[in-house]
């Protein structure tokens, strides 16, 4: 399965750093609690961008963005089986963080495919960087990326 992660080069100088889960562990996220390392990725570049933009303070749009594409073994990806009610509310509920925390603790699969709260018909992939199959990920060359100024103009107040 091909996945894409968009990150600042400043915080992720390598693909391994981009998929380390350190940022999510520091802040927590929709699918993980603070302290639980998990790397958020998307199934295509467009979704990765939208997921990045939804958290971005447009006044401080970075200029050092990089796409980090990667290929995961298909048999290492599990589909989320049960999604709690209100999984897509903002701010995220404790119940969705529990889903990711339990996934990481169980360590049965390398990755978990979950719906996007921004585009519910699209899929994100949560990757456990501590899983023994993490070394099987094939990281492609990073691709520098600049957010089109027209998009930023439309989003600025």
C-alpha atoms as a PDB file:
ATOM      1  CA  UNK A   1       0.000   0.000   0.000  1.00  0.00           C
ATOM      2  CA  UNK A   2       1.348   3.388  -1.017  1.00  0.00           C
ATOM      3  CA  UNK A   3       1.098   6.139   1.629  1.00  0.00           C
ATOM      4  CA  UNK A   4       2.082   9.785   1.758  1.00  0.00           C
ATOM      5  CA  UNK A   5       3.134  11.963   4.651  1.00  0.00           C
ATOM      6  CA  UNK A   6       3.583  15.740   4.417  1.00  0.00           C
ATOM      7  CA  UNK A   7       5.953  17.257   6.956  1.00  0.00           C
ATOM      8  CA  UNK A   8       8.365  20.108   7.455  1.00  0.00           C
ATOM      9  CA  UNK A   9      11.951  19.203   6.594  1.00  0.00           C
ATOM     10  CA  UNK A  10      13.006  21.092   9.730  1.00  0.00           C
ATOM     11  CA  UNK A  11      11.273  18.473  11.889  1.00  0.00           C
ATOM     12  CA  UNK A  12      11.730  15.522   9.540  1.00  0.00           C
ATOM     13  CA  UNK A  13      15.099  15.652   7.769  1.00  0.00           C
ATOM     14  CA  UNK A  14      14.712  11.991   6.701  1.00  0.00           C
ATOM     15  CA  UNK A  15      11.831   9.668   5.860  1.00  0.00           C
ATOM     16  CA  UNK A  16      12.540   7.613   8.984  1.00  0.00           C
ATOM     17  CA  UNK A  17      12.207  10.797  11.063  1.00  0.00           C
ATOM     18  CA  UNK A  18       8.989  11.722   9.238  1.00  0.00           C
ATOM     19  CA  UNK A  19       7.486   8.357  10.194  1.00  0.00           C
ATOM     20  CA  UNK A  20       8.897   8.258  13.744  1.00  0.00           C
ATOM     21  CA  UNK A  21       5.608   9.210  15.427  1.00  0.00           C
ATOM     22  CA  UNK A  22       7.391  11.693  17.670  1.00  0.00           C
ATOM     23  CA  UNK A  23       5.142  14.641  16.808  1.00  0.00           C
ATOM     24  CA  UNK A  24       1.962  12.682  17.500  1.00  0.00           C
ATOM     25  CA  UNK A  25       3.427  11.406  20.785  1.00  0.00           C
ATOM     26  CA  UNK A  26       4.159  14.967  21.896  1.00  0.00           C
ATOM     27  CA  UNK A  27       0.688  16.339  21.184  1.00  0.00           C
ATOM     28  CA  UNK A  28      -1.622  13.378  20.803  1.00  0.00           C
ATOM     29  CA  UNK A  29      -4.070  13.257  17.932  1.00  0.00           C
ATOM     30  CA  UNK A  30      -7.437  11.971  16.801  1.00  0.00           C
ATOM     31  CA  UNK A  31      -6.187   8.367  16.768  1.00  0.00           C
ATOM     32  CA  UNK A  32      -3.610   8.406  19.595  1.00  0.00           C
ATOM     33  CA  UNK A  33      -3.056   9.742  23.091  1.00  0.00           C
ATOM     34  CA  UNK A  34      -0.160  11.936  24.113  1.00  0.00           C
ATOM     35  CA  UNK A  35       2.832   9.678  24.740  1.00  0.00           C
ATOM     36  CA  UNK A  36       1.815   7.067  22.134  1.00  0.00           C
ATOM     37  CA  UNK A  37       4.021   7.095  19.042  1.00  0.00           C
ATOM     38  CA  UNK A  38       2.099   6.709  15.803  1.00  0.00           C
ATOM     39  CA  UNK A  39       2.788   8.189  12.355  1.00  0.00           C
ATOM     40  CA  UNK A  40      -0.153   9.648  10.455  1.00  0.00           C
ATOM     41  CA  UNK A  41      -0.080   9.106   6.677  1.00  0.00           C
ATOM     42  CA  UNK A  42      -2.631   9.283   3.855  1.00  0.00           C
ATOM     43  CA  UNK A  43      -3.414   7.089   0.883  1.00  0.00           C
ATOM     44  CA  UNK A  44      -2.706   9.901  -1.600  1.00  0.00           C
ATOM     45  CA  UNK A  45      -0.916  13.237  -1.806  1.00  0.00           C
ATOM     46  CA  UNK A  46      -4.091  15.326  -2.000  1.00  0.00           C
ATOM     47  CA  UNK A  47      -5.462  13.923   1.237  1.00  0.00           C
ATOM     48  CA  UNK A  48      -2.075  14.369   2.928  1.00  0.00           C
ATOM     49  CA  UNK A  49      -2.184  18.051   1.927  1.00  0.00           C
ATOM     50  CA  UNK A  50      -5.770  18.559   3.124  1.00  0.00           C
ATOM     51  CA  UNK A  51      -4.956  16.845   6.439  1.00  0.00           C
ATOM     52  CA  UNK A  52      -1.952  19.148   6.820  1.00  0.00           C
ATOM     53  CA  UNK A  53      -3.921  22.281   5.925  1.00  0.00           C
ATOM     54  CA  UNK A  54      -6.685  21.596   8.439  1.00  0.00           C
ATOM     55  CA  UNK A  55      -4.098  21.954  11.241  1.00  0.00           C
ATOM     56  CA  UNK A  56      -2.171  24.841   9.725  1.00  0.00           C
ATOM     57  CA  UNK A  57      -2.229  28.419  10.922  1.00  0.00           C
ATOM     58  CA  UNK A  58      -2.256  29.967   7.455  1.00  0.00           C
ATOM     59  CA  UNK A  59      -0.448  33.082   8.681  1.00  0.00           C
ATOM     60  CA  UNK A  60       2.567  30.844   9.287  1.00  0.00           C
ATOM     61  CA  UNK A  61       2.542  28.601   6.226  1.00  0.00           C
ATOM     62  CA  UNK A  62       5.930  26.854   6.119  1.00  0.00           C
ATOM     63  CA  UNK A  63       8.200  26.944   3.092  1.00  0.00           C
ATOM     64  CA  UNK A  64      10.086  23.729   3.875  1.00  0.00           C
ATOM     65  CA  UNK A  65       7.390  21.117   3.268  1.00  0.00           C
ATOM     66  CA  UNK A  66       8.305  17.696   1.938  1.00  0.00           C
ATOM     67  CA  UNK A  67       6.172  14.751   0.838  1.00  0.00           C
ATOM     68  CA  UNK A  68       7.530  11.474   2.159  1.00  0.00           C
ATOM     69  CA  UNK A  69       6.038   8.651   0.067  1.00  0.00           C
ATOM     70  CA  UNK A  70       6.377   5.099   1.320  1.00  0.00           C
ATOM     71  CA  UNK A  71       5.262   1.608   0.382  1.00  0.00           C
ATOM     72  CA  UNK A  72       3.874  -0.620   3.147  1.00  0.00           C
ATOM     73  CA  UNK A  73       3.513  -4.394   2.805  1.00  0.00           C
ATOM     74  CA  UNK A  74      -0.203  -4.963   2.040  1.00  0.00           C
ATOM     75  CA  UNK A  75      -0.472  -7.801   4.543  1.00  0.00           C
ATOM     76  CA  UNK A  76       0.794  -5.508   7.327  1.00  0.00           C
ATOM     77  CA  UNK A  77      -2.173  -3.126   7.096  1.00  0.00           C
ATOM     78  CA  UNK A  78      -5.325  -3.745   9.118  1.00  0.00           C
ATOM     79  CA  UNK A  79      -8.650  -2.034   8.417  1.00  0.00           C
ATOM     80  CA  UNK A  80     -10.285  -0.430  11.434  1.00  0.00           C
ATOM     81  CA  UNK A  81     -13.097  -2.749  12.492  1.00  0.00           C
ATOM     82  CA  UNK A  82     -15.070  -0.647  14.918  1.00  0.00           C
ATOM     83  CA  UNK A  83     -15.311   3.127  14.891  1.00  0.00           C
ATOM     84  CA  UNK A  84     -16.816   4.826  17.943  1.00  0.00           C
ATOM     85  CA  UNK A  85     -19.806   7.147  17.564  1.00  0.00           C
ATOM     86  CA  UNK A  86     -18.675  10.735  17.094  1.00  0.00           C
ATOM     87  CA  UNK A  87     -15.283   9.635  15.744  1.00  0.00           C
ATOM     88  CA  UNK A  88     -15.199  12.664  13.441  1.00  0.00           C
ATOM     89  CA  UNK A  89     -16.052  15.437  15.937  1.00  0.00           C
ATOM     90  CA  UNK A  90     -13.668  18.274  16.635  1.00  0.00           C
ATOM     91  CA  UNK A  91     -11.922  18.278  18.976  1.00  0.00           C
ATOM     92  CA  UNK A  92     -11.485  14.511  18.767  1.00  0.00           C
ATOM     93  CA  UNK A  93     -13.004  12.283  21.412  1.00  0.00           C
ATOM     94  CA  UNK A  94     -11.111  10.111  23.873  1.00  0.00           C
ATOM     95  CA  UNK A  95     -12.742   7.071  22.246  1.00  0.00           C
ATOM     96  CA  UNK A  96     -10.907   7.531  18.938  1.00  0.00           C
ATOM     97  CA  UNK A  97      -7.556   7.960  20.702  1.00  0.00           C
ATOM     98  CA  UNK A  98      -8.282   4.674  22.476  1.00  0.00           C
ATOM     99  CA  UNK A  99      -8.636   2.938  19.093  1.00  0.00           C
ATOM    100  CA  UNK A 100      -5.099   3.929  18.102  1.00  0.00           C
ATOM    101  CA  UNK A 101      -3.641   3.319  21.553  1.00  0.00           C
ATOM    102  CA  UNK A 102      -5.054  -0.218  21.626  1.00  0.00           C
ATOM    103  CA  UNK A 103      -3.824  -0.816  18.062  1.00  0.00           C
ATOM    104  CA  UNK A 104      -0.265   0.217  19.003  1.00  0.00           C
ATOM    105  CA  UNK A 105      -0.273  -1.774  22.259  1.00  0.00           C
ATOM    106  CA  UNK A 106      -1.535  -4.943  20.536  1.00  0.00           C
ATOM    107  CA  UNK A 107       1.259  -4.690  17.910  1.00  0.00           C
ATOM    108  CA  UNK A 108      -0.447  -7.219  15.621  1.00  0.00           C
ATOM    109  CA  UNK A 109      -0.124  -5.092  12.485  1.00  0.00           C
ATOM    110  CA  UNK A 110       2.248  -2.422  11.271  1.00  0.00           C
ATOM    111  CA  UNK A 111      -0.516  -0.064  10.140  1.00  0.00           C
ATOM    112  CA  UNK A 112      -4.192   0.683  10.666  1.00  0.00           C
ATOM    113  CA  UNK A 113      -6.388   2.150   7.916  1.00  0.00           C
ATOM    114  CA  UNK A 114      -8.911   4.669   9.302  1.00  0.00           C
ATOM    115  CA  UNK A 115     -11.332   7.139   7.693  1.00  0.00           C
ATOM    116  CA  UNK A 116     -10.360  10.784   7.369  1.00  0.00           C
ATOM    117  CA  UNK A 117     -12.427  13.194   9.468  1.00  0.00           C
ATOM    118  CA  UNK A 118     -11.744  15.897   6.858  1.00  0.00           C
ATOM    119  CA  UNK A 119     -12.777  13.749   3.873  1.00  0.00           C
ATOM    120  CA  UNK A 120     -14.765  10.836   5.377  1.00  0.00           C
ATOM    121  CA  UNK A 121     -14.808   8.917   2.077  1.00  0.00           C
ATOM    122  CA  UNK A 122     -10.988   8.897   2.023  1.00  0.00           C
ATOM    123  CA  UNK A 123      -8.506   6.922   4.116  1.00  0.00           C
ATOM    124  CA  UNK A 124      -5.598   7.704   6.385  1.00  0.00           C
ATOM    125  CA  UNK A 125      -3.123   5.138   7.628  1.00  0.00           C
ATOM    126  CA  UNK A 126      -1.752   5.071  11.160  1.00  0.00           C
ATOM    127  CA  UNK A 127       1.712   3.482  11.288  1.00  0.00           C
ATOM    128  CA  UNK A 128       3.271   2.010  14.415  1.00  0.00           C
ATOM    129  CA  UNK A 129       6.978   2.950  14.257  1.00  0.00           C
ATOM    130  CA  UNK A 130       7.773   0.471  17.046  1.00  0.00           C
ATOM    131  CA  UNK A 131       6.330  -2.512  15.165  1.00  0.00           C
ATOM    132  CA  UNK A 132       8.854  -5.190  14.168  1.00  0.00           C
ATOM    133  CA  UNK A 133       7.805  -4.869  10.491  1.00  0.00           C
ATOM    134  CA  UNK A 134       8.572  -1.126  10.353  1.00  0.00           C
ATOM    135  CA  UNK A 135      11.907  -1.997   8.689  1.00  0.00           C
ATOM    136  CA  UNK A 136       9.941  -3.483   5.757  1.00  0.00           C
ATOM    137  CA  UNK A 137       8.648  -0.066   4.723  1.00  0.00           C
ATOM    138  CA  UNK A 138      10.180   1.057   1.437  1.00  0.00           C
ATOM    139  CA  UNK A 139      10.710   4.812   1.623  1.00  0.00           C
ATOM    140  CA  UNK A 140      10.756   6.629  -1.706  1.00  0.00           C
ATOM    141  CA  UNK A 141      12.778   9.773  -2.301  1.00  0.00           C
ATOM    142  CA  UNK A 142      11.349  12.818  -0.519  1.00  0.00           C
ATOM    143  CA  UNK A 143       9.574  15.350  -2.735  1.00  0.00           C
ATOM    144  CA  UNK A 144       9.863  19.050  -1.806  1.00  0.00           C
ATOM    145  CA  UNK A 145       6.498  20.789  -1.914  1.00  0.00           C
ATOM    146  CA  UNK A 146       5.264  24.375  -1.781  1.00  0.00           C
ATOM    147  CA  UNK A 147       1.655  25.208  -1.031  1.00  0.00           C
ATOM    148  CA  UNK A 148       0.202  27.124  -3.969  1.00  0.00           C
ATOM    149  CA  UNK A 149      -0.172  30.772  -2.928  1.00  0.00           C
ATOM    150  CA  UNK A 150      -3.644  30.916  -4.482  1.00  0.00           C
ATOM    151  CA  UNK A 151      -4.847  28.389  -1.940  1.00  0.00           C
ATOM    152  CA  UNK A 152      -3.319  30.332   0.930  1.00  0.00           C
ATOM    153  CA  UNK A 153      -4.907  33.600  -0.251  1.00  0.00           C
ATOM    154  CA  UNK A 154      -8.315  31.986  -0.204  1.00  0.00           C
ATOM    155  CA  UNK A 155      -7.824  30.665   3.311  1.00  0.00           C
ATOM    156  CA  UNK A 156      -6.380  33.823   4.879  1.00  0.00           C
ATOM    157  CA  UNK A 157      -8.876  36.047   6.701  1.00  0.00           C
END
